[in-house]
Amino acid sequence: MNKKHMRAMLRTMASGETVKVTRSMGSIRGLARLAFMAEQFGYTYADAGLGGFKSQELVLKLVPDHTPEAQARAARNRELYPNAADGVSLPPLVREEVEFLETRISFDFTTQYTDTQRIAIAVPVLTALAAAPCLRFGVHSTVTVVAVIIWAVLMTLMPLGLASIRRKRAAYAARLQAAGFVQVKDAVGRQRYAPPPGQRPEHGNLVHRKDVEAPRTEKP
């Protein structure tokens, strides 16, 4: 995990307010690891997505978790890991929990934009890519033909990309439903999945048995 982002996140969490972690480079797995660690210190995953319509920044949203279990876990971890603020002296990652968070985050990424919005984003970008030969070699008949062919191929591939996103979204939704999560819609009508009442948000139906048996862990 990136020590800089971890330190910044833990420092901001001290305010007790909603926290947004922004990464210009990274991966969904990286966001899941950050979310997992936040949930060891009194926060819970709320949302994730791109920073804007044309942004490539990844944004992770975390909110305070005031449930008794979360607060007890946070108190225990603050006692066990008093130097956690250095971004290194942290609880071990639990693979199953990180992977489940990755599923939640991945699903939220796939529902951030509709297919229409994705097309609106993709067409200008793909058009610019197709026009690159004209910018590099100048506009003349041969280069123009090549650019048109490239553009046509890219436009043909776009529906395949959208279909791939829909398949992935369905796979993520199936896992969330199997874990007992409930389909909901947020204030703007976006499809989300929420944990059932009384269930620890980050686990789904995974059994947390830290006091019974040692969980499988993953090194940062």
Protein backbone atom coordinates (compact mmCIF):
# COMPACT_ATOMS: atom_id res chain seq x y z
CA MET A 1 0.00 0.00 0.00
CA ASN A 2 1.14 3.54 -0.68
CA LYS A 3 2.45 4.92 2.62
CA LYS A 4 1.73 8.50 1.60
CA HIS A 5 -1.95 7.86 0.90
CA MET A 6 -2.29 5.73 4.02
CA ARG A 7 -0.80 8.42 6.26
CA ALA A 8 -2.97 11.12 4.68
CA MET A 9 -6.10 9.01 5.04
CA LEU A 10 -5.50 8.14 8.70
CA ARG A 11 -4.64 11.75 9.50
CA THR A 12 -7.85 13.00 7.89
CA MET A 13 -9.91 10.34 9.67
CA ALA A 14 -8.91 11.92 12.97
CA SER A 15 -11.40 14.71 12.19
CA GLY A 16 -14.33 12.31 12.43
CA GLU A 17 -15.77 13.72 9.22
CA THR A 18 -16.39 12.15 5.81
CA VAL A 19 -13.08 11.34 4.12
CA LYS A 20 -12.33 11.34 0.40
CA VAL A 21 -9.10 9.76 -0.79
CA THR A 22 -8.04 10.81 -4.30
CA ARG A 23 -5.43 8.92 -6.29
CA SER A 24 -4.22 10.06 -9.69
CA MET A 25 -2.65 6.65 -10.20
CA GLY A 26 -3.58 3.34 -8.65
CA SER A 27 -5.97 0.44 -8.88
CA ILE A 28 -9.27 -0.75 -7.46
CA ARG A 29 -7.33 -3.29 -5.39
CA GLY A 30 -5.36 -0.37 -3.91
CA LEU A 31 -8.59 1.43 -3.01
CA ALA A 32 -9.92 -1.77 -1.42
CA ARG A 33 -6.83 -2.04 0.76
CA LEU A 34 -7.22 1.56 1.89
CA ALA A 35 -10.90 0.97 2.64
CA PHE A 36 -10.09 -2.18 4.60
CA MET A 37 -7.59 -0.31 6.75
CA ALA A 38 -10.01 2.58 7.31
CA GLU A 39 -12.53 0.04 8.58
CA GLN A 40 -10.05 -1.10 11.20
CA PHE A 41 -10.09 2.38 12.72
CA GLY A 42 -13.74 3.39 12.91
CA TYR A 43 -14.70 4.14 9.31
CA THR A 44 -16.58 2.25 6.63
CA TYR A 45 -16.64 2.21 2.85
CA ALA A 46 -19.30 4.48 1.32
CA ASP A 47 -18.57 4.89 -2.40
CA ALA A 48 -15.90 5.03 -5.09
CA GLY A 49 -15.55 6.17 -8.68
CA LEU A 50 -13.77 8.48 -11.05
CA GLY A 51 -13.27 12.06 -9.92
CA GLY A 52 -15.32 13.55 -12.76
CA PHE A 53 -16.84 13.08 -16.20
CA LYS A 54 -13.45 13.32 -17.91
CA SER A 55 -11.21 12.68 -14.92
CA GLN A 56 -8.89 9.71 -14.53
CA GLU A 57 -8.51 10.22 -10.79
CA LEU A 58 -9.80 7.47 -8.52
CA VAL A 59 -11.86 8.70 -5.55
CA LEU A 60 -12.65 6.64 -2.46
CA LYS A 61 -15.32 7.90 -0.04
CA LEU A 62 -15.29 6.77 3.59
CA VAL A 63 -17.68 7.68 6.40
CA PRO A 64 -17.53 7.19 10.19
CA ASP A 65 -18.96 3.90 11.42
CA HIS A 66 -20.66 4.53 14.76
CA THR A 67 -21.81 0.97 15.38
CA PRO A 68 -20.64 -0.55 18.68
CA GLU A 69 -18.72 -3.29 16.87
CA ALA A 70 -16.86 -0.80 14.70
CA GLN A 71 -16.00 1.42 17.64
CA ALA A 72 -14.78 -1.55 19.69
CA ARG A 73 -12.65 -2.74 16.77
CA ALA A 74 -11.18 0.74 16.33
CA ALA A 75 -10.35 1.03 20.04
CA ARG A 76 -8.70 -2.39 20.01
CA ASN A 77 -6.61 -1.58 16.95
CA ARG A 78 -5.56 1.82 18.29
CA GLU A 79 -4.27 0.00 21.34
CA LEU A 80 -2.54 -2.75 19.37
CA TYR A 81 -1.13 -0.43 16.69
CA PRO A 82 -0.39 2.91 18.40
CA ASN A 83 1.97 3.97 15.58
CA ALA A 84 -0.49 3.31 12.76
CA ALA A 85 -0.32 6.95 11.71
CA ASP A 86 3.08 6.28 10.16
CA GLY A 87 1.31 4.33 7.42
CA VAL A 88 3.39 1.22 8.13
CA SER A 89 2.61 -0.13 11.61
CA LEU A 90 -0.81 -1.42 10.63
CA PRO A 91 -3.08 -4.42 11.20
CA PRO A 92 -2.52 -7.23 8.67
CA LEU A 93 -4.68 -7.30 5.59
CA VAL A 94 -7.31 -10.05 5.52
CA ARG A 95 -7.50 -11.34 1.97
CA GLU A 96 -11.19 -12.30 1.93
CA GLU A 97 -12.27 -8.92 3.26
CA VAL A 98 -10.07 -6.99 0.82
CA GLU A 99 -11.43 -9.04 -2.07
CA PHE A 100 -15.03 -8.42 -0.98
CA LEU A 101 -14.38 -4.69 -0.74
CA GLU A 102 -12.84 -4.86 -4.20
CA THR A 103 -16.10 -6.37 -5.47
CA ARG A 104 -18.14 -3.57 -3.88
CA ILE A 105 -15.86 -0.89 -5.30
CA SER A 106 -15.78 -2.51 -8.75
CA PHE A 107 -19.58 -2.63 -8.86
CA ASP A 108 -19.82 1.04 -7.91
CA PHE A 109 -17.38 1.94 -10.68
CA THR A 110 -19.53 0.12 -13.25
CA THR A 111 -22.66 2.03 -12.21
CA GLN A 112 -21.12 5.49 -11.95
CA TYR A 113 -22.04 6.27 -15.57
CA THR A 114 -24.81 5.01 -17.85
CA ASP A 115 -24.04 3.50 -21.25
CA THR A 116 -25.09 6.78 -22.87
CA GLN A 117 -22.66 8.73 -20.71
CA ARG A 118 -19.88 6.24 -21.43
CA ILE A 119 -20.45 6.67 -25.17
CA ALA A 120 -20.36 10.44 -24.75
CA ILE A 121 -17.00 10.07 -23.01
CA ALA A 122 -15.57 7.49 -25.40
CA VAL A 123 -16.45 8.99 -28.79
CA PRO A 124 -14.32 12.16 -28.47
CA VAL A 125 -11.42 10.18 -27.00
CA LEU A 126 -11.51 7.52 -29.72
CA THR A 127 -11.93 10.17 -32.41
CA ALA A 128 -8.83 11.94 -31.13
CA LEU A 129 -6.90 8.66 -31.22
CA ALA A 130 -8.02 7.99 -34.78
CA ALA A 131 -7.00 11.49 -35.83
CA ALA A 132 -3.51 11.10 -34.37
CA PRO A 133 -1.95 10.02 -37.72
CA CYS A 134 -3.23 13.22 -39.34
CA LEU A 135 -1.64 15.29 -36.59
CA ARG A 136 1.62 13.37 -36.91
CA PHE A 137 1.97 13.14 -40.70
CA GLY A 138 -0.33 15.87 -41.94
CA VAL A 139 -3.67 15.69 -43.71
CA HIS A 140 -3.53 13.99 -47.10
CA SER A 141 -5.48 11.23 -48.80
CA THR A 142 -3.57 8.19 -47.56
CA VAL A 143 -3.37 9.35 -43.96
CA THR A 144 -7.02 10.39 -43.99
CA VAL A 145 -8.07 6.95 -45.21
CA VAL A 146 -6.01 5.31 -42.47
CA ALA A 147 -7.54 7.61 -39.85
CA VAL A 148 -11.08 6.82 -41.06
CA ILE A 149 -10.38 3.07 -40.94
CA ILE A 150 -8.99 3.36 -37.41
CA TRP A 151 -12.01 5.39 -36.33
CA ALA A 152 -14.42 2.84 -37.83
CA VAL A 153 -12.67 -0.05 -36.07
CA LEU A 154 -12.73 1.77 -32.73
CA MET A 155 -16.42 2.59 -33.11
CA THR A 156 -17.09 -1.08 -33.86
CA LEU A 157 -15.26 -2.15 -30.73
CA MET A 158 -17.11 0.27 -28.45
CA PRO A 159 -20.29 -1.85 -28.13
CA LEU A 160 -18.10 -4.80 -27.19
CA GLY A 161 -16.56 -2.73 -24.42
CA LEU A 162 -19.98 -1.74 -23.10
CA ALA A 163 -21.12 -5.37 -23.18
CA SER A 164 -18.02 -6.37 -21.21
CA ILE A 165 -18.84 -3.78 -18.54
CA ARG A 166 -22.40 -5.10 -18.28
CA ARG A 167 -21.17 -8.68 -17.85
CA LYS A 168 -18.76 -7.64 -15.13
CA ARG A 169 -21.45 -5.61 -13.38
CA ALA A 170 -23.76 -8.63 -13.37
CA ALA A 171 -21.00 -10.81 -11.91
CA TYR A 172 -20.27 -8.29 -9.14
CA ALA A 173 -23.99 -7.94 -8.40
CA ALA A 174 -24.36 -11.72 -8.12
CA ARG A 175 -21.61 -11.92 -5.53
CA LEU A 176 -23.07 -9.04 -3.52
CA GLN A 177 -26.52 -10.60 -3.59
CA ALA A 178 -25.07 -13.94 -2.49
CA ALA A 179 -23.51 -12.12 0.46
CA GLY A 180 -26.93 -10.80 1.49
CA PHE A 181 -26.54 -7.28 0.17
CA VAL A 182 -29.71 -5.50 -0.89
CA GLN A 183 -30.18 -3.58 -4.13
CA VAL A 184 -31.00 0.09 -3.56
CA LYS A 185 -30.93 3.35 -5.49
CA ASP A 186 -29.19 6.47 -4.29
CA ALA A 187 -30.47 10.05 -4.47
CA VAL A 188 -29.67 10.34 -8.20
CA GLY A 189 -31.15 6.96 -9.11
CA ARG A 190 -27.86 5.11 -9.35
CA GLN A 191 -27.99 1.41 -8.53
CA ARG A 192 -26.08 0.43 -5.39
CA TYR A 193 -25.91 -2.49 -2.99
CA ALA A 194 -26.25 -1.96 0.75
CA PRO A 195 -25.56 -4.42 3.57
CA PRO A 196 -28.64 -5.69 5.39
CA PRO A 197 -29.42 -4.02 8.75
CA GLY A 198 -27.31 -5.21 11.62
CA GLN A 199 -24.64 -6.75 9.44
CA ARG A 200 -21.06 -5.58 9.41
CA PRO A 201 -20.82 -3.68 6.10
CA GLU A 202 -17.46 -4.89 4.87
CA HIS A 203 -18.07 -8.58 5.30
CA GLY A 204 -21.29 -9.47 3.55
CA ASN A 205 -21.96 -12.96 4.89
CA LEU A 206 -18.29 -13.65 5.52
CA VAL A 207 -17.82 -14.89 9.08
CA HIS A 208 -15.44 -12.79 11.14
CA ARG A 209 -13.71 -15.20 13.52
CA LYS A 210 -10.65 -13.25 14.57
CA ASP A 211 -11.12 -14.34 18.18
CA VAL A 212 -11.57 -18.01 17.23
CA GLU A 213 -9.10 -18.74 14.48
CA ALA A 214 -6.38 -16.82 12.73
CA PRO A 215 -7.61 -15.42 9.41
CA ARG A 216 -5.62 -15.80 6.23
CA THR A 217 -3.71 -12.59 5.74
CA GLU A 218 -2.07 -10.74 2.90
CA LYS A 219 1.02 -8.67 3.25
CA PRO A 220 0.69 -5.00 2.23
